[in-house]
């Protein structure tokens, strides 16, 4: 069966509005036409996508799965069309993704100094889908924090960083200067396995309200300091690796060049401190009153 992208777009509109009338208005077609197209799509797929009543339209289990897949398909198709149009105009563009708290600007400055003809865009990553944009075409290259699924990806290590415990200021452990993993046994931990949040702001708001704690990379703690939270070092927590990642296989010239330049720029020299704008932070956030203030770690 050939996938009809027009019908898929109609399906997505109904799935998002949960109402045929508003979806039809968005698509600039009549409601009867939209209903016929959805019924035709369901016949082609051999399954029902919606449960219809006189008052609501709800996705079936098959419909929910298709909506997830349709979002990815739409992204891939949109990215492919954009790249075709850029090629037709003779443009070169590179999209660099980066995990929360990490900084890739130093590498971009070094790259554009040598390749001014290549436009560079950045793509901030959501904390639960680090590798997805490299697989669906949204990004050419990423500065990522492990762990993530590196199947089919070529990775180059460029550093590592520690994690700190993020707790509400009202937590019994908040007055400590440091913790161990044993201190956190039995604590409700907010992570992708227990409670997926839509953003780091949402996650930290839940922590501040006493819904749980989290172990977060020190660079994330430094980027999201706010009243109501305490960040404490966890002395026996293993460091997490930071790496550059690109899809395996042939890499276009700008991608290969950026990978080489970024590796040299972001990887700290042997025995030396990382660059100020590199991926590994130099400060450890600790508690200071009711706000979180970075304090340089002493040797």
Protein backbone atom coordinates (compact mmCIF):
# COMPACT_ATOMS: atom_id res chain seq x y z
CA UNK A 1 0.00 0.00 0.00
CA UNK A 2 1.30 3.45 -0.94
CA UNK A 3 1.07 5.99 1.87
CA UNK A 4 -1.10 8.96 0.94
CA UNK A 5 0.55 11.94 2.66
CA UNK A 6 -2.54 14.08 2.06
CA UNK A 7 -4.74 11.67 4.00
CA UNK A 8 -2.09 11.40 6.68
CA UNK A 9 -2.19 15.18 7.05
CA UNK A 10 -5.98 15.03 7.36
CA UNK A 11 -5.67 12.35 10.04
CA UNK A 12 -3.19 14.43 12.04
CA UNK A 13 -5.50 17.45 11.97
CA UNK A 14 -8.44 15.42 13.34
CA UNK A 15 -6.19 13.75 15.93
CA UNK A 16 -5.00 17.11 17.22
CA UNK A 17 -8.37 18.86 17.25
CA UNK A 18 -10.42 15.79 18.29
CA UNK A 19 -13.20 17.35 16.27
CA UNK A 20 -13.95 17.11 12.55
CA UNK A 21 -15.39 20.60 12.19
CA UNK A 22 -12.33 22.48 13.49
CA UNK A 23 -9.98 20.15 11.60
CA UNK A 24 -11.86 20.81 8.37
CA UNK A 25 -11.59 24.57 8.92
CA UNK A 26 -7.84 24.29 9.43
CA UNK A 27 -7.50 22.23 6.24
CA UNK A 28 -9.79 24.54 4.20
CA UNK A 29 -12.09 21.69 3.19
CA UNK A 30 -15.67 20.82 4.12
CA UNK A 31 -16.45 18.50 7.00
CA UNK A 32 -18.18 15.85 4.81
CA UNK A 33 -15.12 15.69 2.54
CA UNK A 34 -12.85 15.26 5.55
CA UNK A 35 -15.04 12.50 6.98
CA UNK A 36 -14.99 10.63 3.66
CA UNK A 37 -11.20 10.93 3.43
CA UNK A 38 -10.72 9.57 6.96
CA UNK A 39 -13.09 6.64 6.28
CA UNK A 40 -11.18 5.90 3.07
CA UNK A 41 -7.88 6.03 4.98
CA UNK A 42 -9.22 3.61 7.58
CA UNK A 43 -10.31 1.17 4.83
CA UNK A 44 -6.87 1.33 3.24
CA UNK A 45 -5.18 0.64 6.58
CA UNK A 46 -7.66 -2.04 7.57
CA UNK A 47 -8.32 -0.63 11.03
CA UNK A 48 -10.30 2.07 12.82
CA UNK A 49 -8.34 5.18 13.79
CA UNK A 50 -11.06 7.01 15.72
CA UNK A 51 -13.91 6.18 18.04
CA UNK A 52 -16.72 8.58 17.15
CA UNK A 53 -19.64 9.68 19.28
CA UNK A 54 -22.08 12.54 18.87
CA UNK A 55 -19.93 14.68 21.19
CA UNK A 56 -16.32 13.58 20.79
CA UNK A 57 -13.72 11.94 18.62
CA UNK A 58 -11.11 9.79 20.37
CA UNK A 59 -8.11 7.95 19.01
CA UNK A 60 -8.13 4.16 19.05
CA UNK A 61 -4.96 2.32 20.07
CA UNK A 62 -4.06 2.04 16.38
CA UNK A 63 -4.81 5.74 15.96
CA UNK A 64 -2.52 6.69 18.83
CA UNK A 65 0.30 4.68 17.33
CA UNK A 66 -0.26 6.18 13.89
CA UNK A 67 -0.24 9.69 15.36
CA UNK A 68 3.18 9.03 16.94
CA UNK A 69 4.51 7.69 13.65
CA UNK A 70 2.87 10.46 11.62
CA UNK A 71 4.68 13.12 13.64
CA UNK A 72 8.01 11.52 12.74
CA UNK A 73 7.00 11.05 9.11
CA UNK A 74 5.99 14.68 8.82
CA UNK A 75 9.30 15.80 10.28
CA UNK A 76 11.33 13.58 7.93
CA UNK A 77 9.37 14.67 4.84
CA UNK A 78 9.59 18.36 5.80
CA UNK A 79 13.33 18.10 6.39
CA UNK A 80 13.89 16.31 3.08
CA UNK A 81 11.92 18.91 1.13
CA UNK A 82 13.82 21.74 2.82
CA UNK A 83 17.16 20.19 1.94
CA UNK A 84 16.11 19.64 -1.68
CA UNK A 85 15.09 23.30 -1.96
CA UNK A 86 18.35 24.44 -0.37
CA UNK A 87 20.32 22.31 -2.84
CA UNK A 88 18.38 23.81 -5.73
CA UNK A 89 19.30 27.29 -4.50
CA UNK A 90 22.95 26.29 -4.05
CA UNK A 91 22.78 26.76 -0.27
CA UNK A 92 24.77 24.78 2.28
CA UNK A 93 23.28 24.43 5.75
CA UNK A 94 24.36 22.47 8.81
CA UNK A 95 22.10 21.72 11.78
CA UNK A 96 23.86 21.00 15.06
CA UNK A 97 21.85 19.52 17.95
CA UNK A 98 22.93 19.79 21.58
CA UNK A 99 21.79 18.29 24.89
CA UNK A 100 20.50 20.53 27.70
CA UNK A 101 23.31 22.32 29.55
CA UNK A 102 25.97 21.68 26.90
CA UNK A 103 27.46 24.44 24.75
CA UNK A 104 28.59 24.10 21.15
CA UNK A 105 29.07 27.78 20.26
CA UNK A 106 32.88 27.66 20.44
CA UNK A 107 32.95 24.92 17.82
CA UNK A 108 30.47 26.82 15.62
CA UNK A 109 32.63 29.95 15.78
CA UNK A 110 35.71 27.97 14.78
CA UNK A 111 33.84 26.26 11.95
CA UNK A 112 32.27 29.41 10.47
CA UNK A 113 35.66 31.14 10.54
CA UNK A 114 36.92 28.51 8.10
CA UNK A 115 33.67 27.82 6.22
CA UNK A 116 31.74 31.11 6.05
CA UNK A 117 29.68 29.86 3.09
CA UNK A 118 27.93 27.25 5.27
CA UNK A 119 24.97 28.44 7.36
CA UNK A 120 24.77 26.78 10.78
CA UNK A 121 21.54 26.28 12.73
CA UNK A 122 21.28 24.88 16.25
CA UNK A 123 18.65 22.51 17.62
CA UNK A 124 18.15 22.29 21.41
CA UNK A 125 17.29 18.71 22.33
CA UNK A 126 14.62 17.52 24.71
CA UNK A 127 16.27 15.54 27.45
CA UNK A 128 14.56 12.24 26.63
CA UNK A 129 15.28 12.07 22.86
CA UNK A 130 18.92 12.87 22.33
CA UNK A 131 19.61 10.69 19.29
CA UNK A 132 16.21 10.97 17.54
CA UNK A 133 16.99 14.12 15.46
CA UNK A 134 20.10 12.42 14.05
CA UNK A 135 17.94 9.52 12.88
CA UNK A 136 14.98 11.43 11.45
CA UNK A 137 17.09 14.03 9.64
CA UNK A 138 16.40 17.10 11.76
CA UNK A 139 20.11 17.42 12.65
CA UNK A 140 23.35 16.51 10.90
CA UNK A 141 25.44 16.26 14.04
CA UNK A 142 24.92 16.38 17.79
CA UNK A 143 26.77 17.17 21.00
CA UNK A 144 25.18 14.57 23.26
CA UNK A 145 25.39 13.34 26.81
CA UNK A 146 25.32 9.61 27.46
CA UNK A 147 23.44 7.36 27.87
CA UNK A 148 21.62 7.17 24.53
CA UNK A 149 21.16 4.57 21.82
CA UNK A 150 24.28 4.86 19.65
CA UNK A 151 23.29 2.08 17.24
CA UNK A 152 24.04 3.27 13.73
CA UNK A 153 25.87 6.36 14.99
CA UNK A 154 29.54 7.27 14.88
CA UNK A 155 30.54 8.86 18.21
CA UNK A 156 33.63 10.80 19.27
CA UNK A 157 34.21 11.34 23.03
CA UNK A 158 34.97 14.95 23.94
CA UNK A 159 34.68 15.01 27.74
CA UNK A 160 32.72 13.98 30.78
CA UNK A 161 30.91 15.56 33.71
CA UNK A 162 29.54 14.59 37.09
CA UNK A 163 25.95 14.55 38.30
CA UNK A 164 24.54 16.37 41.30
CA UNK A 165 21.44 15.71 43.36
CA UNK A 166 18.61 18.21 42.85
CA UNK A 167 16.34 18.51 45.90
CA UNK A 168 13.72 20.96 47.17
CA UNK A 169 15.03 23.33 49.87
CA UNK A 170 12.54 21.75 52.29
CA UNK A 171 14.06 18.27 51.93
CA UNK A 172 15.66 16.79 55.10
CA UNK A 173 18.96 16.34 53.21
CA UNK A 174 19.02 19.90 51.88
CA UNK A 175 21.25 21.14 54.70
CA UNK A 176 24.06 18.71 53.87
CA UNK A 177 27.18 19.81 51.97
CA UNK A 178 27.53 16.53 50.03
CA UNK A 179 25.72 13.22 49.58
CA UNK A 180 26.41 9.63 48.58
CA UNK A 181 24.18 7.38 46.50
CA UNK A 182 23.31 5.49 49.70
CA UNK A 183 21.82 8.69 51.14
CA UNK A 184 19.36 8.73 48.26
CA UNK A 185 18.13 5.14 48.59
CA UNK A 186 14.35 5.04 48.73
CA UNK A 187 13.92 8.60 47.45
CA UNK A 188 11.34 9.08 44.64
CA UNK A 189 13.42 9.90 41.55
CA UNK A 190 11.96 11.84 38.63
CA UNK A 191 13.39 10.46 35.39
CA UNK A 192 12.19 9.23 32.01
CA UNK A 193 11.30 5.82 33.45
CA UNK A 194 9.14 7.08 36.31
CA UNK A 195 7.64 10.32 35.03
CA UNK A 196 8.36 11.89 31.66
CA UNK A 197 8.02 15.66 31.69
CA UNK A 198 7.71 17.93 28.68
CA UNK A 199 10.59 20.21 29.71
CA UNK A 200 13.27 20.76 32.31
CA UNK A 201 11.27 23.69 33.66
CA UNK A 202 8.39 21.32 34.39
CA UNK A 203 10.73 18.78 35.95
CA UNK A 204 12.35 21.32 38.28
CA UNK A 205 8.96 22.77 39.21
CA UNK A 206 7.85 19.30 40.32
CA UNK A 207 11.02 18.85 42.36
CA UNK A 208 10.65 22.26 44.00
CA UNK A 209 7.07 21.34 44.96
CA UNK A 210 8.27 18.17 46.71
CA UNK A 211 7.23 15.61 44.10
CA UNK A 212 10.65 13.93 44.04
CA UNK A 213 14.36 14.44 43.44
CA UNK A 214 16.63 14.03 40.43
CA UNK A 215 20.25 13.39 39.57
CA UNK A 216 21.19 15.95 36.93
CA UNK A 217 24.44 16.76 35.10
CA UNK A 218 26.33 19.64 36.67
CA UNK A 219 26.05 21.69 33.46
CA UNK A 220 22.24 21.42 33.59
CA UNK A 221 22.27 22.49 37.25
CA UNK A 222 24.36 25.53 36.35
CA UNK A 223 22.02 26.49 33.51
CA UNK A 224 18.80 26.08 35.51
CA UNK A 225 19.57 27.53 38.92
CA UNK A 226 16.52 28.93 40.69
CA UNK A 227 15.14 29.59 44.19
CA UNK A 228 13.48 26.62 45.85
CA UNK A 229 16.06 24.08 44.71
CA UNK A 230 19.30 22.76 46.18
CA UNK A 231 22.05 21.07 44.19
CA UNK A 232 24.44 18.87 46.17
CA UNK A 233 27.47 16.89 44.98
CA UNK A 234 27.09 13.10 45.07
CA UNK A 235 30.60 11.96 45.90
CA UNK A 236 30.37 8.41 44.53
CA UNK A 237 28.25 9.11 41.44
CA UNK A 238 30.14 8.05 38.28
CA UNK A 239 30.75 10.70 35.61
CA UNK A 240 28.76 10.69 32.38
CA UNK A 241 30.38 10.87 28.98
CA UNK A 242 29.91 13.69 26.48
CA UNK A 243 30.43 13.02 22.79
CA UNK A 244 29.88 14.24 19.27
CA UNK A 245 27.63 11.96 17.22
CA UNK A 246 26.81 11.66 13.52
CA UNK A 247 25.00 8.97 11.54
CA UNK A 248 27.31 6.24 10.26
CA UNK A 249 28.12 6.13 6.55
CA UNK A 250 29.17 8.78 4.10
CA UNK A 251 29.26 12.25 5.59
CA UNK A 252 28.86 15.36 3.41
CA UNK A 253 31.86 17.72 3.36
CA UNK A 254 30.48 20.27 5.87
CA UNK A 255 29.55 17.52 8.35
CA UNK A 256 33.00 15.91 8.22
CA UNK A 257 34.68 19.30 8.53
CA UNK A 258 32.53 20.32 11.50
CA UNK A 259 33.18 16.99 13.23
CA UNK A 260 36.96 17.47 12.95
CA UNK A 261 36.85 21.09 14.10
CA UNK A 262 34.42 20.43 16.95
CA UNK A 263 36.50 17.50 18.20
CA UNK A 264 39.62 19.66 18.35
CA UNK A 265 37.74 22.58 19.88
CA UNK A 266 35.62 20.84 22.50
CA UNK A 267 37.93 18.07 23.66
CA UNK A 268 40.05 19.30 26.61
CA UNK A 269 43.81 19.10 26.12
CA UNK A 270 45.61 16.23 27.89
CA UNK A 271 46.19 17.22 31.52
CA UNK A 272 44.62 20.64 30.98
CA UNK A 273 41.37 22.37 31.86
CA UNK A 274 38.56 22.45 29.27
CA UNK A 275 37.81 25.58 27.31
CA UNK A 276 35.47 27.99 29.08
CA UNK A 277 32.78 27.38 26.47
CA UNK A 278 33.43 23.65 26.20
CA UNK A 279 31.13 20.84 27.30
CA UNK A 280 32.58 20.28 30.77
CA UNK A 281 31.73 22.96 33.38
CA UNK A 282 34.28 24.27 35.86
CA UNK A 283 31.87 25.07 38.66
CA UNK A 284 29.91 22.86 41.03
CA UNK A 285 26.52 24.22 42.13
CA UNK A 286 25.97 24.03 45.89
CA UNK A 287 23.38 25.31 48.33
CA UNK A 288 23.53 28.95 49.33
CA UNK A 289 20.51 30.07 51.33
CA UNK A 290 17.30 29.47 49.40
CA UNK A 291 18.83 30.07 46.00
CA UNK A 292 21.38 28.06 44.05
CA UNK A 293 24.69 29.77 43.44
CA UNK A 294 27.65 28.28 41.56
CA UNK A 295 30.85 28.07 43.58
CA UNK A 296 34.15 27.05 42.08
CA UNK A 297 35.25 23.67 43.38
CA UNK A 298 38.47 23.71 45.40
CA UNK A 299 41.23 21.26 44.69
